[in-house]
């Protein structure tokens, strides 16, 4: 039987490496003058998610994202107490990753750019920011429910790679527009380290809306009562 301590540790480690590798790739892109590029950053996030979901799925379900946990909570796939445990682990994991990156940052020159803070591109309005983050998170959580929650999914054995691919595609689309967060914990860690909280609330509200909607839609439309949970 998996203990709460093991679930906490799995979510902490999974979120830690997502933020460390993903925002670390952003830092590398900044310090190398763009050598990593959008594709490299998108792959860093997507491949890390694929790996971390794969190794934590048996233990915690591999949420690694408060928006995923929220979707699981409102559809009855996880209990409130366990959801709180997951959220704490995710936020602490993201914070620890950003803190370590700040220590390894050359000259400790912490900026929104080299710490991977999620901010909209210049000229992107609030409606566009909200809309894109909601849609990207909707797609991510919809895929997660399709390949990982749905017991009839033909992709269940490769669910982690499907989820990683989704993150990669979303990052390619939204990375230069909104930062393609889709994950409040991923946004929280860098913001805490840099003190850059501009529009941080959007990177919580939008993913929770998108993730919650996707979870409800897939559960109500595509899952039978026997399949759900």
C-alpha atoms as a PDB file:
ATOM      1  CA  UNK A   1       0.000   0.000   0.000  1.00  0.00           C
ATOM      2  CA  UNK A   2       1.294   3.429  -0.976  1.00  0.00           C
ATOM      3  CA  UNK A   3       1.603   5.801   1.984  1.00  0.00           C
ATOM      4  CA  UNK A   4       0.814   9.512   2.078  1.00  0.00           C
ATOM      5  CA  UNK A   5       4.505  10.159   2.613  1.00  0.00           C
ATOM      6  CA  UNK A   6       5.331   8.318  -0.590  1.00  0.00           C
ATOM      7  CA  UNK A   7       2.637  10.211  -2.501  1.00  0.00           C
ATOM      8  CA  UNK A   8       3.928  13.520  -1.131  1.00  0.00           C
ATOM      9  CA  UNK A   9       7.497  12.620  -2.089  1.00  0.00           C
ATOM     10  CA  UNK A  10       6.481  11.567  -5.603  1.00  0.00           C
ATOM     11  CA  UNK A  11       4.617  14.820  -6.248  1.00  0.00           C
ATOM     12  CA  UNK A  12       7.445  16.863  -4.727  1.00  0.00           C
ATOM     13  CA  UNK A  13      10.128  15.169  -6.842  1.00  0.00           C
ATOM     14  CA  UNK A  14       8.038  15.223 -10.016  1.00  0.00           C
ATOM     15  CA  UNK A  15       7.249  18.929  -9.717  1.00  0.00           C
ATOM     16  CA  UNK A  16      10.809  19.732  -8.659  1.00  0.00           C
ATOM     17  CA  UNK A  17      12.302  18.273 -11.809  1.00  0.00           C
ATOM     18  CA  UNK A  18       9.611  19.717 -14.066  1.00  0.00           C
ATOM     19  CA  UNK A  19      10.441  23.223 -12.845  1.00  0.00           C
ATOM     20  CA  UNK A  20      14.187  22.649 -12.583  1.00  0.00           C
ATOM     21  CA  UNK A  21      14.583  21.211 -16.090  1.00  0.00           C
ATOM     22  CA  UNK A  22      11.953  23.358 -17.791  1.00  0.00           C
ATOM     23  CA  UNK A  23      12.862  26.745 -16.351  1.00  0.00           C
ATOM     24  CA  UNK A  24      16.498  25.670 -16.387  1.00  0.00           C
ATOM     25  CA  UNK A  25      16.183  25.341 -20.163  1.00  0.00           C
ATOM     26  CA  UNK A  26      14.740  28.856 -20.276  1.00  0.00           C
ATOM     27  CA  UNK A  27      17.726  30.125 -18.257  1.00  0.00           C
ATOM     28  CA  UNK A  28      20.097  28.297 -20.579  1.00  0.00           C
ATOM     29  CA  UNK A  29      18.387  29.930 -23.554  1.00  0.00           C
ATOM     30  CA  UNK A  30      18.829  33.379 -22.005  1.00  0.00           C
ATOM     31  CA  UNK A  31      22.473  32.852 -21.069  1.00  0.00           C
ATOM     32  CA  UNK A  32      23.333  31.309 -24.456  1.00  0.00           C
ATOM     33  CA  UNK A  33      21.738  34.118 -26.427  1.00  0.00           C
ATOM     34  CA  UNK A  34      18.887  31.990 -27.749  1.00  0.00           C
ATOM     35  CA  UNK A  35      20.762  28.786 -28.571  1.00  0.00           C
ATOM     36  CA  UNK A  36      18.127  26.581 -26.939  1.00  0.00           C
ATOM     37  CA  UNK A  37      15.155  28.207 -28.608  1.00  0.00           C
ATOM     38  CA  UNK A  38      11.424  27.682 -28.234  1.00  0.00           C
ATOM     39  CA  UNK A  39      11.596  24.115 -29.522  1.00  0.00           C
ATOM     40  CA  UNK A  40      14.314  23.228 -27.026  1.00  0.00           C
ATOM     41  CA  UNK A  41      12.394  24.747 -24.119  1.00  0.00           C
ATOM     42  CA  UNK A  42       9.161  23.025 -25.188  1.00  0.00           C
ATOM     43  CA  UNK A  43      10.955  19.685 -25.389  1.00  0.00           C
ATOM     44  CA  UNK A  44      12.553  20.229 -21.982  1.00  0.00           C
ATOM     45  CA  UNK A  45       9.130  20.649 -20.397  1.00  0.00           C
ATOM     46  CA  UNK A  46       7.446  17.924 -22.434  1.00  0.00           C
ATOM     47  CA  UNK A  47      10.125  15.267 -22.039  1.00  0.00           C
ATOM     48  CA  UNK A  48      10.495  15.975 -18.327  1.00  0.00           C
ATOM     49  CA  UNK A  49       6.743  15.583 -17.850  1.00  0.00           C
ATOM     50  CA  UNK A  50       6.804  12.312 -19.786  1.00  0.00           C
ATOM     51  CA  UNK A  51       9.590  10.998 -17.554  1.00  0.00           C
ATOM     52  CA  UNK A  52       8.200  12.229 -14.257  1.00  0.00           C
ATOM     53  CA  UNK A  53       4.631  11.096 -14.935  1.00  0.00           C
ATOM     54  CA  UNK A  54       6.005   7.714 -15.953  1.00  0.00           C
ATOM     55  CA  UNK A  55       7.960   7.200 -12.741  1.00  0.00           C
ATOM     56  CA  UNK A  56       5.382   8.669 -10.340  1.00  0.00           C
ATOM     57  CA  UNK A  57       2.130   7.351 -11.853  1.00  0.00           C
ATOM     58  CA  UNK A  58       2.120   4.167  -9.786  1.00  0.00           C
ATOM     59  CA  UNK A  59       2.736   6.092  -6.582  1.00  0.00           C
ATOM     60  CA  UNK A  60       0.725   9.313  -6.773  1.00  0.00           C
ATOM     61  CA  UNK A  61      -0.919   9.202 -10.181  1.00  0.00           C
ATOM     62  CA  UNK A  62       1.687  11.623 -11.507  1.00  0.00           C
ATOM     63  CA  UNK A  63      -0.317  14.844 -11.193  1.00  0.00           C
ATOM     64  CA  UNK A  64       2.667  17.227 -10.854  1.00  0.00           C
ATOM     65  CA  UNK A  65       0.230  20.099 -11.383  1.00  0.00           C
ATOM     66  CA  UNK A  66      -2.421  21.712  -9.139  1.00  0.00           C
ATOM     67  CA  UNK A  67      -4.730  22.050 -12.164  1.00  0.00           C
ATOM     68  CA  UNK A  68      -4.638  18.273 -12.649  1.00  0.00           C
ATOM     69  CA  UNK A  69      -5.214  17.681  -8.945  1.00  0.00           C
ATOM     70  CA  UNK A  70      -8.149  20.105  -9.010  1.00  0.00           C
ATOM     71  CA  UNK A  71      -9.686  18.264 -11.945  1.00  0.00           C
ATOM     72  CA  UNK A  72      -9.283  14.966 -10.134  1.00  0.00           C
ATOM     73  CA  UNK A  73     -10.803  16.466  -6.981  1.00  0.00           C
ATOM     74  CA  UNK A  74     -13.991  17.854  -8.516  1.00  0.00           C
ATOM     75  CA  UNK A  75     -14.634  14.608 -10.394  1.00  0.00           C
ATOM     76  CA  UNK A  76     -14.206  12.479  -7.290  1.00  0.00           C
ATOM     77  CA  UNK A  77     -10.967  10.818  -8.336  1.00  0.00           C
ATOM     78  CA  UNK A  78      -9.127  12.110  -5.279  1.00  0.00           C
ATOM     79  CA  UNK A  79     -10.252  13.102  -1.772  1.00  0.00           C
ATOM     80  CA  UNK A  80      -9.917  16.689  -0.447  1.00  0.00           C
ATOM     81  CA  UNK A  81      -7.308  15.785   2.184  1.00  0.00           C
ATOM     82  CA  UNK A  82      -5.172  14.025  -0.405  1.00  0.00           C
ATOM     83  CA  UNK A  83      -5.595  16.927  -2.820  1.00  0.00           C
ATOM     84  CA  UNK A  84      -4.279  19.297  -0.142  1.00  0.00           C
ATOM     85  CA  UNK A  85      -1.282  17.025   0.373  1.00  0.00           C
ATOM     86  CA  UNK A  86      -0.574  17.031  -3.352  1.00  0.00           C
ATOM     87  CA  UNK A  87      -0.874  20.817  -3.601  1.00  0.00           C
ATOM     88  CA  UNK A  88       1.600  21.318  -0.762  1.00  0.00           C
ATOM     89  CA  UNK A  89       4.064  18.900  -2.349  1.00  0.00           C
ATOM     90  CA  UNK A  90       3.750  20.573  -5.753  1.00  0.00           C
ATOM     91  CA  UNK A  91       4.284  24.094  -4.437  1.00  0.00           C
ATOM     92  CA  UNK A  92       7.208  23.037  -2.262  1.00  0.00           C
ATOM     93  CA  UNK A  93       8.773  21.109  -5.132  1.00  0.00           C
ATOM     94  CA  UNK A  94       8.479  24.082  -7.468  1.00  0.00           C
ATOM     95  CA  UNK A  95       9.878  26.421  -4.822  1.00  0.00           C
ATOM     96  CA  UNK A  96      12.834  24.138  -4.091  1.00  0.00           C
ATOM     97  CA  UNK A  97      13.636  23.872  -7.800  1.00  0.00           C
ATOM     98  CA  UNK A  98      13.543  27.628  -8.310  1.00  0.00           C
ATOM     99  CA  UNK A  99      15.634  28.179  -5.186  1.00  0.00           C
ATOM    100  CA  UNK A 100      18.303  25.772  -6.414  1.00  0.00           C
ATOM    101  CA  UNK A 101      18.293  27.401  -9.835  1.00  0.00           C
ATOM    102  CA  UNK A 102      18.750  30.787  -8.169  1.00  0.00           C
ATOM    103  CA  UNK A 103      21.837  29.460  -6.363  1.00  0.00           C
ATOM    104  CA  UNK A 104      23.255  28.105  -9.618  1.00  0.00           C
ATOM    105  CA  UNK A 105      22.380  31.254 -11.554  1.00  0.00           C
ATOM    106  CA  UNK A 106      25.578  33.067 -12.689  1.00  0.00           C
ATOM    107  CA  UNK A 107      26.245  36.040 -10.404  1.00  0.00           C
ATOM    108  CA  UNK A 108      22.819  35.427  -8.848  1.00  0.00           C
ATOM    109  CA  UNK A 109      21.389  37.731 -11.506  1.00  0.00           C
ATOM    110  CA  UNK A 110      17.745  36.835 -10.971  1.00  0.00           C
ATOM    111  CA  UNK A 111      15.391  38.237 -13.578  1.00  0.00           C
ATOM    112  CA  UNK A 112      11.967  37.245 -14.838  1.00  0.00           C
ATOM    113  CA  UNK A 113      13.616  36.074 -18.051  1.00  0.00           C
ATOM    114  CA  UNK A 114      16.379  33.864 -16.745  1.00  0.00           C
ATOM    115  CA  UNK A 115      14.219  32.380 -13.982  1.00  0.00           C
ATOM    116  CA  UNK A 116      11.409  31.399 -16.313  1.00  0.00           C
ATOM    117  CA  UNK A 117       8.704  33.618 -14.832  1.00  0.00           C
ATOM    118  CA  UNK A 118       5.457  33.233 -16.765  1.00  0.00           C
ATOM    119  CA  UNK A 119       4.459  36.596 -18.213  1.00  0.00           C
ATOM    120  CA  UNK A 120       2.468  37.494 -21.320  1.00  0.00           C
ATOM    121  CA  UNK A 121       4.261  38.923 -24.336  1.00  0.00           C
ATOM    122  CA  UNK A 122       4.034  42.654 -24.883  1.00  0.00           C
ATOM    123  CA  UNK A 123       0.656  43.592 -26.297  1.00  0.00           C
ATOM    124  CA  UNK A 124      -1.137  40.464 -25.105  1.00  0.00           C
ATOM    125  CA  UNK A 125      -4.282  41.561 -23.296  1.00  0.00           C
ATOM    126  CA  UNK A 126      -5.863  40.011 -20.240  1.00  0.00           C
ATOM    127  CA  UNK A 127      -8.638  38.338 -22.249  1.00  0.00           C
ATOM    128  CA  UNK A 128      -6.134  36.718 -24.596  1.00  0.00           C
ATOM    129  CA  UNK A 129      -3.918  35.629 -21.709  1.00  0.00           C
ATOM    130  CA  UNK A 130      -6.857  34.076 -19.862  1.00  0.00           C
ATOM    131  CA  UNK A 131      -8.290  32.476 -22.978  1.00  0.00           C
ATOM    132  CA  UNK A 132      -5.056  30.867 -24.135  1.00  0.00           C
ATOM    133  CA  UNK A 133      -4.125  29.538 -20.690  1.00  0.00           C
ATOM    134  CA  UNK A 134      -7.628  28.139 -20.187  1.00  0.00           C
ATOM    135  CA  UNK A 135      -7.592  26.389 -23.571  1.00  0.00           C
ATOM    136  CA  UNK A 136      -4.064  25.008 -23.195  1.00  0.00           C
ATOM    137  CA  UNK A 137      -4.840  23.623 -19.753  1.00  0.00           C
ATOM    138  CA  UNK A 138      -8.151  22.248 -20.988  1.00  0.00           C
ATOM    139  CA  UNK A 139      -6.312  20.307 -23.688  1.00  0.00           C
ATOM    140  CA  UNK A 140      -3.704  19.015 -21.239  1.00  0.00           C
ATOM    141  CA  UNK A 141      -6.205  17.790 -18.642  1.00  0.00           C
ATOM    142  CA  UNK A 142      -8.551  16.437 -21.326  1.00  0.00           C
ATOM    143  CA  UNK A 143      -5.699  14.305 -22.651  1.00  0.00           C
ATOM    144  CA  UNK A 144      -4.772  13.203 -19.126  1.00  0.00           C
ATOM    145  CA  UNK A 145      -8.313  12.002 -18.462  1.00  0.00           C
ATOM    146  CA  UNK A 146      -8.416  10.306 -21.856  1.00  0.00           C
ATOM    147  CA  UNK A 147      -5.152   8.371 -21.577  1.00  0.00           C
ATOM    148  CA  UNK A 148      -4.682   7.947 -17.822  1.00  0.00           C
ATOM    149  CA  UNK A 149      -8.106   8.021 -16.131  1.00  0.00           C
ATOM    150  CA  UNK A 150     -10.211   6.307 -18.793  1.00  0.00           C
ATOM    151  CA  UNK A 151      -9.719   2.572 -18.185  1.00  0.00           C
ATOM    152  CA  UNK A 152     -10.670   1.808 -21.803  1.00  0.00           C
ATOM    153  CA  UNK A 153      -7.981   4.042 -23.313  1.00  0.00           C
ATOM    154  CA  UNK A 154      -5.859   2.273 -25.972  1.00  0.00           C
ATOM    155  CA  UNK A 155      -2.992   4.587 -24.983  1.00  0.00           C
ATOM    156  CA  UNK A 156      -2.917   3.778 -21.266  1.00  0.00           C
ATOM    157  CA  UNK A 157       0.443   1.980 -21.521  1.00  0.00           C
ATOM    158  CA  UNK A 158       2.036   5.070 -23.058  1.00  0.00           C
ATOM    159  CA  UNK A 159      -0.019   7.670 -21.187  1.00  0.00           C
ATOM    160  CA  UNK A 160       3.076   9.489 -19.898  1.00  0.00           C
ATOM    161  CA  UNK A 161       4.402  10.040 -23.426  1.00  0.00           C
ATOM    162  CA  UNK A 162       1.007  11.247 -24.634  1.00  0.00           C
ATOM    163  CA  UNK A 163       0.888  13.740 -21.749  1.00  0.00           C
ATOM    164  CA  UNK A 164       4.450  14.873 -22.435  1.00  0.00           C
ATOM    165  CA  UNK A 165       3.634  15.333 -26.110  1.00  0.00           C
ATOM    166  CA  UNK A 166       0.638  17.470 -25.173  1.00  0.00           C
ATOM    167  CA  UNK A 167       2.780  19.701 -22.968  1.00  0.00           C
ATOM    168  CA  UNK A 168       5.280  20.072 -25.816  1.00  0.00           C
ATOM    169  CA  UNK A 169       2.606  21.045 -28.350  1.00  0.00           C
ATOM    170  CA  UNK A 170       1.025  23.524 -25.927  1.00  0.00           C
ATOM    171  CA  UNK A 171       4.418  25.078 -25.166  1.00  0.00           C
ATOM    172  CA  UNK A 172       5.130  25.489 -28.866  1.00  0.00           C
ATOM    173  CA  UNK A 173       1.821  27.258 -29.366  1.00  0.00           C
ATOM    174  CA  UNK A 174       1.696  29.436 -26.267  1.00  0.00           C
ATOM    175  CA  UNK A 175       5.258  29.679 -25.029  1.00  0.00           C
ATOM    176  CA  UNK A 176       6.079  33.009 -26.644  1.00  0.00           C
ATOM    177  CA  UNK A 177       2.581  34.436 -26.063  1.00  0.00           C
ATOM    178  CA  UNK A 178       1.640  33.622 -22.472  1.00  0.00           C
ATOM    179  CA  UNK A 179       4.501  31.453 -21.241  1.00  0.00           C
ATOM    180  CA  UNK A 180       2.253  28.376 -21.602  1.00  0.00           C
ATOM    181  CA  UNK A 181       2.155  27.679 -17.897  1.00  0.00           C
ATOM    182  CA  UNK A 182      -0.869  25.357 -17.582  1.00  0.00           C
ATOM    183  CA  UNK A 183       0.441  24.747 -14.081  1.00  0.00           C
ATOM    184  CA  UNK A 184       0.104  27.109 -11.076  1.00  0.00           C
ATOM    185  CA  UNK A 185       3.030  25.471  -9.258  1.00  0.00           C
ATOM    186  CA  UNK A 186       5.307  25.944 -12.263  1.00  0.00           C
ATOM    187  CA  UNK A 187       4.453  29.666 -12.210  1.00  0.00           C
ATOM    188  CA  UNK A 188       4.633  30.000  -8.430  1.00  0.00           C
ATOM    189  CA  UNK A 189       8.246  28.900  -7.890  1.00  0.00           C
ATOM    190  CA  UNK A 190       9.934  31.405 -10.239  1.00  0.00           C
ATOM    191  CA  UNK A 191       7.611  34.206  -9.098  1.00  0.00           C
ATOM    192  CA  UNK A 192       8.520  33.584  -5.467  1.00  0.00           C
ATOM    193  CA  UNK A 193      12.264  33.645  -6.167  1.00  0.00           C
ATOM    194  CA  UNK A 194      12.188  36.840  -8.234  1.00  0.00           C
ATOM    195  CA  UNK A 195       9.365  38.703  -6.526  1.00  0.00           C
ATOM    196  CA  UNK A 196       7.705  39.156  -9.916  1.00  0.00           C
ATOM    197  CA  UNK A 197       3.995  38.631  -9.207  1.00  0.00           C
ATOM    198  CA  UNK A 198       2.581  40.505 -12.202  1.00  0.00           C
ATOM    199  CA  UNK A 199      -0.642  38.771 -13.287  1.00  0.00           C
ATOM    200  CA  UNK A 200       0.308  35.750 -11.172  1.00  0.00           C
ATOM    201  CA  UNK A 201      -3.360  35.313 -10.287  1.00  0.00           C
ATOM    202  CA  UNK A 202      -4.142  34.611 -13.936  1.00  0.00           C
ATOM    203  CA  UNK A 203      -1.691  31.710 -13.933  1.00  0.00           C
ATOM    204  CA  UNK A 204      -3.718  30.215 -11.099  1.00  0.00           C
ATOM    205  CA  UNK A 205      -7.267  31.034 -12.142  1.00  0.00           C
ATOM    206  CA  UNK A 206      -6.967  30.155 -15.836  1.00  0.00           C
ATOM    207  CA  UNK A 207      -5.376  26.698 -15.382  1.00  0.00           C
ATOM    208  CA  UNK A 208      -7.865  25.800 -12.641  1.00  0.00           C
ATOM    209  CA  UNK A 209     -10.771  26.824 -14.881  1.00  0.00           C
ATOM    210  CA  UNK A 210      -9.372  24.990 -17.893  1.00  0.00           C
ATOM    211  CA  UNK A 211      -8.397  21.908 -15.943  1.00  0.00           C
ATOM    212  CA  UNK A 212     -11.680  21.788 -14.078  1.00  0.00           C
ATOM    213  CA  UNK A 213     -13.740  22.144 -17.240  1.00  0.00           C
ATOM    214  CA  UNK A 214     -11.776  19.446 -19.045  1.00  0.00           C
ATOM    215  CA  UNK A 215     -12.140  17.032 -16.140  1.00  0.00           C
ATOM    216  CA  UNK A 216     -15.904  17.569 -15.906  1.00  0.00           C
ATOM    217  CA  UNK A 217     -16.461  17.404 -19.672  1.00  0.00           C
ATOM    218  CA  UNK A 218     -14.498  14.182 -20.118  1.00  0.00           C
ATOM    219  CA  UNK A 219     -16.023  12.562 -17.041  1.00  0.00           C
ATOM    220  CA  UNK A 220     -19.616  13.492 -17.879  1.00  0.00           C
ATOM    221  CA  UNK A 221     -19.499  12.993 -21.645  1.00  0.00           C
ATOM    222  CA  UNK A 222     -17.066  10.145 -22.234  1.00  0.00           C
ATOM    223  CA  UNK A 223     -16.847   8.105 -19.020  1.00  0.00           C
ATOM    224  CA  UNK A 224     -19.507   5.825 -17.655  1.00  0.00           C
ATOM    225  CA  UNK A 225     -20.122   5.842 -13.908  1.00  0.00           C
ATOM    226  CA  UNK A 226     -18.171   2.602 -13.650  1.00  0.00           C
ATOM    227  CA  UNK A 227     -15.165   4.056 -15.496  1.00  0.00           C
ATOM    228  CA  UNK A 228     -15.001   7.308 -13.539  1.00  0.00           C
ATOM    229  CA  UNK A 229     -12.856   6.782 -10.445  1.00  0.00           C
END
